[in-house]
Every structure is written in structure tokens, then in C-alpha cells.
Protein backbone atom coordinates (compact mmCIF):
# COMPACT_ATOMS: atom_id res chain seq x y z
CA UNK A 1 6.27 -18.33 6.54
CA UNK A 2 6.60 -15.15 5.50
CA UNK A 3 10.38 -12.65 4.96
CA UNK A 4 10.65 -9.49 4.68
CA UNK A 5 6.40 -8.77 4.25
CA UNK A 6 7.19 -9.15 0.55
CA UNK A 7 6.75 -12.95 -0.26
CA UNK A 8 4.98 -15.24 1.38
CA UNK A 9 6.76 -19.51 1.62
CA UNK A 10 4.46 -22.28 2.25
CA UNK A 11 6.84 -25.69 1.92
CA UNK A 12 9.61 -24.19 -0.55
CA UNK A 13 7.15 -22.49 -2.84
CA UNK A 14 6.85 -18.87 -2.90
CA UNK A 15 2.35 -18.11 -3.03
CA UNK A 16 1.51 -15.00 -5.03
CA UNK A 17 -1.11 -13.52 -2.92
CA UNK A 18 -4.78 -12.82 -3.84
CA UNK A 19 -5.01 -9.25 -6.40
CA UNK A 20 -6.85 -6.97 -4.47
CA UNK A 21 -5.25 -8.44 -1.06
CA UNK A 22 -3.17 -6.05 1.12
CA UNK A 23 -0.25 -8.68 0.88
CA UNK A 24 0.20 -7.42 -2.52
CA UNK A 25 0.58 -3.81 -1.73
CA UNK A 26 3.61 -1.68 -0.94
CA UNK A 27 4.04 1.63 -1.27
CA UNK A 28 5.50 3.63 -4.56
CA UNK A 29 6.86 0.00 -6.02
CA UNK A 30 5.33 0.75 -9.81
CA UNK A 31 7.45 3.34 -10.29
CA UNK A 32 5.99 6.33 -11.92
CA UNK A 33 3.90 4.72 -15.12
CA UNK A 34 1.18 1.37 -14.30
CA UNK A 35 -0.45 -0.09 -18.05
CA UNK A 36 -2.53 -2.36 -16.64
CA UNK A 37 -3.68 -6.15 -18.28
CA UNK A 38 -5.96 -7.77 -16.19
CA UNK A 39 -6.39 -9.63 -13.51
CA UNK A 40 -4.23 -7.88 -11.61
CA UNK A 41 -1.95 -7.95 -13.58
CA UNK A 42 0.48 -4.74 -15.44
CA UNK A 43 3.22 -3.44 -16.80
CA UNK A 44 4.91 -0.72 -14.93
CA UNK A 45 7.61 0.66 -13.35
CA UNK A 46 9.58 0.08 -9.88
CA UNK A 47 11.39 2.23 -7.01
CA UNK A 48 13.35 0.03 -7.62
CA UNK A 49 15.65 -0.55 -10.64
CA UNK A 50 18.72 -2.84 -9.80
CA UNK A 51 16.41 -5.22 -9.04
CA UNK A 52 15.33 -5.19 -13.08
CA UNK A 53 15.40 -8.65 -14.99
CA UNK A 54 14.90 -10.58 -11.27
CA UNK A 55 11.72 -12.57 -10.30
CA UNK A 56 11.02 -10.28 -7.48
CA UNK A 57 6.85 -9.05 -8.25
CA UNK A 58 3.70 -11.34 -8.19
CA UNK A 59 3.27 -11.84 -11.86
CA UNK A 60 3.92 -8.12 -13.37
CA UNK A 61 6.31 -7.06 -16.08
CA UNK A 62 8.76 -4.54 -14.55
CA UNK A 63 10.17 -1.89 -16.32
CA UNK A 64 12.51 0.82 -16.05
CA UNK A 65 10.80 3.96 -15.11
CA UNK A 66 12.42 5.89 -18.04
CA UNK A 67 10.81 2.77 -20.34
CA UNK A 68 7.61 2.64 -18.94
CA UNK A 69 7.71 6.91 -19.55
CA UNK A 70 7.85 6.21 -23.18
CA UNK A 71 5.46 2.85 -23.69
CA UNK A 72 2.86 4.83 -21.51
CA UNK A 73 3.26 7.60 -24.17
CA UNK A 74 2.96 5.42 -27.51
CA UNK A 75 0.14 2.90 -26.43
CA UNK A 76 -3.65 3.87 -26.54
CA UNK A 77 -5.71 1.96 -24.15
CA UNK A 78 -7.14 -1.80 -25.88
CA UNK A 79 -4.13 -1.93 -27.73
CA UNK A 80 -2.98 -5.89 -27.73
CA UNK A 81 -0.30 -6.86 -25.68
CA UNK A 82 1.70 -9.97 -25.68
CA UNK A 83 4.57 -11.61 -23.70
CA UNK A 84 6.81 -13.98 -24.40
């Protein structure tokens, strides 16, 4: 079962589409910047800042656009990232 095309639900569980599939591609959802973490995950902005703090991504960490811009300017490629 699919609702608005952003979630796939089977037996009450949300299924996360595999990295690289069309189900994970949505126009403008990454906001103004993205910092790739590997394995299809990233820190990125959003086109819907009102949803920050909600579980609405496919596993990425979403930030306000101004926050990801500041972080992007501060870190170099290869900087270790720890998410708690």
C-alpha cells in the first residue's frame, strides 16, 4: 500500500526503499545543501522546515536550510560524523 508516494506500508510497517531507486527521489526535498554520510544517508536541508523533528525521511538527518548551510561551510570532506 502506498499513501502519497512517499511511504510504502506493508502490514503496518513503513518500508524504506533501497538507495538509488526512484521511490527515494523527490524534487527539491534536500533543501539547499547535502553532506553525504555514505550508504545512501546524508545530512541535508529540507523544503518543508515545519517537519523538522518528525520522522519523515528515509533515514537521513534533516536540518533547517540555514543550519545545513552553516555546517557545510564548517566541515571538510572526510570529517568524521557521529550521530547520537
